[in-house]
């Protein structure tokens, strides 16, 4: 299994609470709809970055396929313009 963790900052002037709710509402429902995506959660961070994405995948191939899956790409269209920066880490467990 693979854990995928991403920390994000939002652009200046973005309502952070509203943005995190929006992002969670379009990404979290992808569990069960994209093969190999086992768990995904979005939470507002209280120190450093604005929010965190935590997800689990069956394997590294499932993570690669998730990145280009049409449902994932469609979901990103709703919020990608709100993002300023991101830092990601993936590891097997």
N, C-alpha and C. Protein backbone atom coordinates (compact mmCIF):
# COMPACT_ATOMS: atom_id res chain seq x y z
N UNK A 1 0.84 -1.18 0.00
CA UNK A 1 0.00 0.00 0.00
C UNK A 1 0.88 1.24 0.00
N UNK A 2 0.31 2.33 -0.50
CA UNK A 2 1.02 3.59 -0.61
C UNK A 2 0.22 4.69 0.09
N UNK A 3 0.92 5.48 0.86
CA UNK A 3 0.32 6.68 1.45
C UNK A 3 0.80 7.88 0.64
N UNK A 4 -0.13 8.79 0.36
CA UNK A 4 0.12 9.99 -0.44
C UNK A 4 -0.32 11.18 0.41
N UNK A 5 0.63 12.03 0.75
CA UNK A 5 0.35 13.18 1.61
C UNK A 5 0.76 14.44 0.86
N UNK A 6 -0.15 15.41 0.80
CA UNK A 6 0.14 16.67 0.12
C UNK A 6 -0.28 17.81 1.04
N UNK A 7 0.60 18.78 1.18
CA UNK A 7 0.31 19.99 1.95
C UNK A 7 0.23 21.16 0.99
N UNK A 8 -0.79 21.99 1.16
CA UNK A 8 -1.05 23.08 0.22
C UNK A 8 -1.14 24.43 0.93
N UNK A 9 -0.79 25.47 0.19
CA UNK A 9 -1.14 26.83 0.57
C UNK A 9 -2.09 27.35 -0.49
N UNK A 10 -3.00 28.19 -0.05
CA UNK A 10 -3.97 28.81 -0.94
C UNK A 10 -3.51 30.23 -1.29
N UNK A 11 -4.01 30.73 -2.40
CA UNK A 11 -3.65 32.08 -2.83
C UNK A 11 -4.15 33.11 -1.83
N UNK A 12 -3.46 34.22 -1.81
CA UNK A 12 -3.84 35.35 -0.95
C UNK A 12 -5.27 35.77 -1.27
N UNK A 13 -6.05 36.02 -0.23
CA UNK A 13 -7.42 36.49 -0.40
C UNK A 13 -8.47 35.41 -0.52
N UNK A 14 -8.06 34.15 -0.62
CA UNK A 14 -9.01 33.04 -0.71
C UNK A 14 -9.57 32.75 0.68
N UNK A 15 -10.89 32.58 0.77
CA UNK A 15 -11.52 32.19 2.02
C UNK A 15 -11.11 30.73 2.29
N UNK A 16 -10.24 30.53 3.25
CA UNK A 16 -9.64 29.21 3.46
C UNK A 16 -10.65 28.17 3.93
N UNK A 17 -11.53 28.53 4.82
CA UNK A 17 -12.53 27.57 5.30
C UNK A 17 -13.42 27.12 4.14
N UNK A 18 -13.88 28.08 3.35
CA UNK A 18 -14.75 27.76 2.22
C UNK A 18 -14.01 26.92 1.19
N UNK A 19 -12.76 27.27 0.91
CA UNK A 19 -11.96 26.53 -0.07
C UNK A 19 -11.75 25.09 0.36
N UNK A 20 -11.44 24.87 1.62
CA UNK A 20 -11.20 23.51 2.09
C UNK A 20 -12.49 22.69 2.02
N UNK A 21 -13.61 23.29 2.34
CA UNK A 21 -14.90 22.59 2.21
C UNK A 21 -15.16 22.20 0.76
N UNK A 22 -14.89 23.13 -0.16
CA UNK A 22 -15.08 22.86 -1.58
C UNK A 22 -14.18 21.71 -2.04
N UNK A 23 -12.91 21.79 -1.70
CA UNK A 23 -11.94 20.78 -2.13
C UNK A 23 -12.33 19.41 -1.58
N UNK A 24 -12.68 19.35 -0.32
CA UNK A 24 -13.10 18.08 0.27
C UNK A 24 -14.36 17.55 -0.42
N UNK A 25 -15.27 18.43 -0.77
CA UNK A 25 -16.53 17.99 -1.37
C UNK A 25 -16.35 17.40 -2.76
N UNK A 26 -15.30 17.76 -3.46
CA UNK A 26 -15.09 17.18 -4.80
C UNK A 26 -14.09 16.04 -4.81
N UNK A 27 -13.17 15.99 -3.84
CA UNK A 27 -12.17 14.93 -3.84
C UNK A 27 -12.56 13.72 -3.00
N UNK A 28 -13.10 13.93 -1.83
CA UNK A 28 -13.40 12.80 -0.94
C UNK A 28 -14.38 11.80 -1.56
N UNK A 29 -15.38 12.24 -2.35
CA UNK A 29 -16.29 11.27 -2.97
C UNK A 29 -15.65 10.39 -4.05
N UNK A 30 -14.41 10.65 -4.41
CA UNK A 30 -13.74 9.83 -5.42
C UNK A 30 -13.38 8.44 -4.90
N UNK A 31 -13.34 8.28 -3.57
CA UNK A 31 -13.09 6.96 -2.99
C UNK A 31 -14.24 6.04 -3.41
N UNK A 32 -13.88 4.89 -3.94
CA UNK A 32 -14.88 3.96 -4.44
C UNK A 32 -15.25 4.18 -5.89
N UNK A 33 -14.81 5.29 -6.45
CA UNK A 33 -15.10 5.59 -7.85
C UNK A 33 -13.85 5.49 -8.72
N UNK A 34 -12.67 5.57 -8.09
CA UNK A 34 -11.42 5.43 -8.82
C UNK A 34 -10.72 4.18 -8.30
N UNK A 35 -10.44 3.23 -9.19
CA UNK A 35 -9.81 1.98 -8.75
C UNK A 35 -8.49 2.22 -8.02
N UNK A 36 -8.32 1.50 -6.92
CA UNK A 36 -7.07 1.57 -6.16
C UNK A 36 -7.01 2.67 -5.13
N UNK A 37 -7.94 3.63 -5.16
CA UNK A 37 -7.99 4.70 -4.15
C UNK A 37 -8.79 4.18 -2.97
N UNK A 38 -8.11 3.96 -1.86
CA UNK A 38 -8.73 3.33 -0.70
C UNK A 38 -9.27 4.32 0.33
N UNK A 39 -8.62 5.46 0.45
CA UNK A 39 -8.99 6.46 1.46
C UNK A 39 -8.48 7.82 1.02
N UNK A 40 -9.27 8.86 1.26
CA UNK A 40 -8.83 10.22 0.97
C UNK A 40 -9.55 11.16 1.91
N UNK A 41 -8.79 12.04 2.53
CA UNK A 41 -9.40 13.05 3.40
C UNK A 41 -8.67 14.37 3.24
N UNK A 42 -9.43 15.43 3.37
CA UNK A 42 -8.91 16.80 3.30
C UNK A 42 -9.21 17.44 4.64
N UNK A 43 -8.22 18.08 5.23
CA UNK A 43 -8.42 18.78 6.50
C UNK A 43 -7.69 20.11 6.48
N UNK A 44 -8.27 21.09 7.13
CA UNK A 44 -7.64 22.39 7.31
C UNK A 44 -6.47 22.21 8.25
N UNK A 45 -5.32 22.73 7.88
CA UNK A 45 -4.14 22.67 8.74
C UNK A 45 -4.17 23.86 9.70
N UNK A 46 -3.65 23.68 10.89
CA UNK A 46 -3.67 24.78 11.85
C UNK A 46 -2.29 25.37 12.07
N UNK A 47 -1.30 24.87 11.37
CA UNK A 47 0.04 25.44 11.48
C UNK A 47 0.78 25.22 10.16
N UNK A 48 1.44 26.24 9.68
CA UNK A 48 2.23 26.11 8.46
C UNK A 48 1.41 26.26 7.20
N UNK A 49 1.05 25.16 6.60
CA UNK A 49 0.29 25.15 5.35
C UNK A 49 -1.20 25.37 5.65
N UNK A 50 -1.98 25.61 4.58
CA UNK A 50 -3.41 25.88 4.76
C UNK A 50 -4.25 24.62 4.90
N UNK A 51 -3.91 23.57 4.14
CA UNK A 51 -4.66 22.32 4.30
C UNK A 51 -3.81 21.13 3.89
N UNK A 52 -4.26 19.97 4.33
CA UNK A 52 -3.56 18.73 4.04
C UNK A 52 -4.50 17.75 3.36
N UNK A 53 -3.94 17.02 2.39
CA UNK A 53 -4.62 15.91 1.75
C UNK A 53 -3.88 14.65 2.17
N UNK A 54 -4.63 13.69 2.70
CA UNK A 54 -4.06 12.40 3.08
C UNK A 54 -4.84 11.34 2.33
N UNK A 55 -4.12 10.46 1.62
CA UNK A 55 -4.81 9.40 0.90
C UNK A 55 -3.99 8.11 0.93
N UNK A 56 -4.70 7.01 0.69
CA UNK A 56 -4.08 5.69 0.66
C UNK A 56 -4.49 5.00 -0.63
N UNK A 57 -3.51 4.30 -1.23
CA UNK A 57 -3.71 3.60 -2.49
C UNK A 57 -3.24 2.16 -2.36
N UNK A 58 -3.81 1.29 -3.18
CA UNK A 58 -3.42 -0.12 -3.15
C UNK A 58 -1.93 -0.31 -3.44
N UNK A 59 -1.39 0.49 -4.36
CA UNK A 59 0.01 0.39 -4.74
C UNK A 59 0.42 1.65 -5.51
N UNK A 60 1.69 1.73 -5.89
CA UNK A 60 2.18 2.93 -6.58
C UNK A 60 1.55 3.08 -7.96
N UNK A 61 1.22 1.98 -8.62
CA UNK A 61 0.56 2.08 -9.92
C UNK A 61 -0.82 2.71 -9.78
N UNK A 62 -1.55 2.37 -8.74
CA UNK A 62 -2.87 2.98 -8.50
C UNK A 62 -2.75 4.48 -8.29
N UNK A 63 -1.70 4.92 -7.59
CA UNK A 63 -1.47 6.35 -7.40
C UNK A 63 -1.19 7.03 -8.74
N UNK A 64 -0.38 6.42 -9.57
CA UNK A 64 -0.08 6.98 -10.90
C UNK A 64 -1.35 7.09 -11.74
N UNK A 65 -2.18 6.07 -11.68
CA UNK A 65 -3.42 6.09 -12.46
C UNK A 65 -4.42 7.10 -11.92
N UNK A 66 -4.45 7.28 -10.61
CA UNK A 66 -5.31 8.30 -9.99
C UNK A 66 -4.94 9.69 -10.50
N UNK A 67 -3.67 9.96 -10.61
CA UNK A 67 -3.20 11.30 -11.01
C UNK A 67 -3.77 11.72 -12.37
N UNK A 68 -4.00 10.77 -13.26
CA UNK A 68 -4.48 11.11 -14.60
C UNK A 68 -5.91 10.62 -14.86
N UNK A 69 -6.55 10.10 -13.84
CA UNK A 69 -7.92 9.60 -14.00
C UNK A 69 -8.86 10.77 -14.34
N UNK A 70 -9.76 10.58 -15.30
CA UNK A 70 -10.67 11.67 -15.68
C UNK A 70 -11.49 12.25 -14.53
N UNK A 71 -11.94 11.42 -13.59
CA UNK A 71 -12.71 11.95 -12.45
C UNK A 71 -11.85 12.84 -11.56
N UNK A 72 -10.60 12.47 -11.37
CA UNK A 72 -9.69 13.29 -10.58
C UNK A 72 -9.40 14.61 -11.30
N UNK A 73 -9.12 14.54 -12.58
CA UNK A 73 -8.84 15.76 -13.35
C UNK A 73 -10.05 16.69 -13.37
N UNK A 74 -11.23 16.13 -13.48
CA UNK A 74 -12.46 16.92 -13.46
C UNK A 74 -12.64 17.60 -12.10
N UNK A 75 -12.37 16.88 -11.02
CA UNK A 75 -12.51 17.45 -9.67
C UNK A 75 -11.54 18.61 -9.48
N UNK A 76 -10.31 18.45 -9.95
CA UNK A 76 -9.30 19.50 -9.78
C UNK A 76 -9.70 20.81 -10.45
N UNK A 77 -10.48 20.75 -11.51
CA UNK A 77 -10.92 21.96 -12.21
C UNK A 77 -11.68 22.91 -11.28
N UNK A 78 -12.31 22.37 -10.24
CA UNK A 78 -13.10 23.17 -9.31
C UNK A 78 -12.25 24.04 -8.37
N UNK A 79 -10.98 23.64 -8.16
CA UNK A 79 -10.21 24.35 -7.14
C UNK A 79 -8.77 24.65 -7.52
N UNK A 80 -8.27 24.13 -8.61
CA UNK A 80 -6.85 24.30 -8.94
C UNK A 80 -6.44 25.77 -8.98
N UNK A 81 -7.35 26.63 -9.41
CA UNK A 81 -7.06 28.07 -9.52
C UNK A 81 -6.90 28.74 -8.14
N UNK A 82 -7.29 28.07 -7.07
CA UNK A 82 -7.19 28.62 -5.71
C UNK A 82 -5.84 28.35 -5.06
N UNK A 83 -5.06 27.43 -5.64
CA UNK A 83 -3.83 26.95 -5.01
C UNK A 83 -2.64 27.83 -5.32
N UNK A 84 -1.80 27.99 -4.31
CA UNK A 84 -0.56 28.75 -4.47
C UNK A 84 0.64 27.82 -4.55
N UNK A 85 0.76 26.90 -3.59
CA UNK A 85 1.90 25.99 -3.59
C UNK A 85 1.51 24.65 -2.98
N UNK A 86 2.37 23.65 -3.23
CA UNK A 86 2.11 22.33 -2.69
C UNK A 86 3.43 21.61 -2.46
N UNK A 87 3.43 20.72 -1.48
CA UNK A 87 4.54 19.84 -1.19
C UNK A 87 3.96 18.46 -0.99
N UNK A 88 4.52 17.45 -1.66
CA UNK A 88 3.96 16.11 -1.59
C UNK A 88 5.01 15.10 -1.18
N UNK A 89 4.54 14.02 -0.56
CA UNK A 89 5.38 12.89 -0.22
C UNK A 89 4.55 11.62 -0.35
N UNK A 90 5.17 10.60 -0.93
CA UNK A 90 4.53 9.30 -1.07
C UNK A 90 5.47 8.26 -0.49
N UNK A 91 4.87 7.26 0.16
CA UNK A 91 5.71 6.18 0.67
C UNK A 91 4.91 4.90 0.77
N UNK A 92 5.61 3.78 0.66
CA UNK A 92 4.97 2.48 0.79
C UNK A 92 4.96 2.05 2.26
N UNK A 93 3.94 1.31 2.63
CA UNK A 93 3.87 0.76 3.99
C UNK A 93 3.26 -0.62 3.95
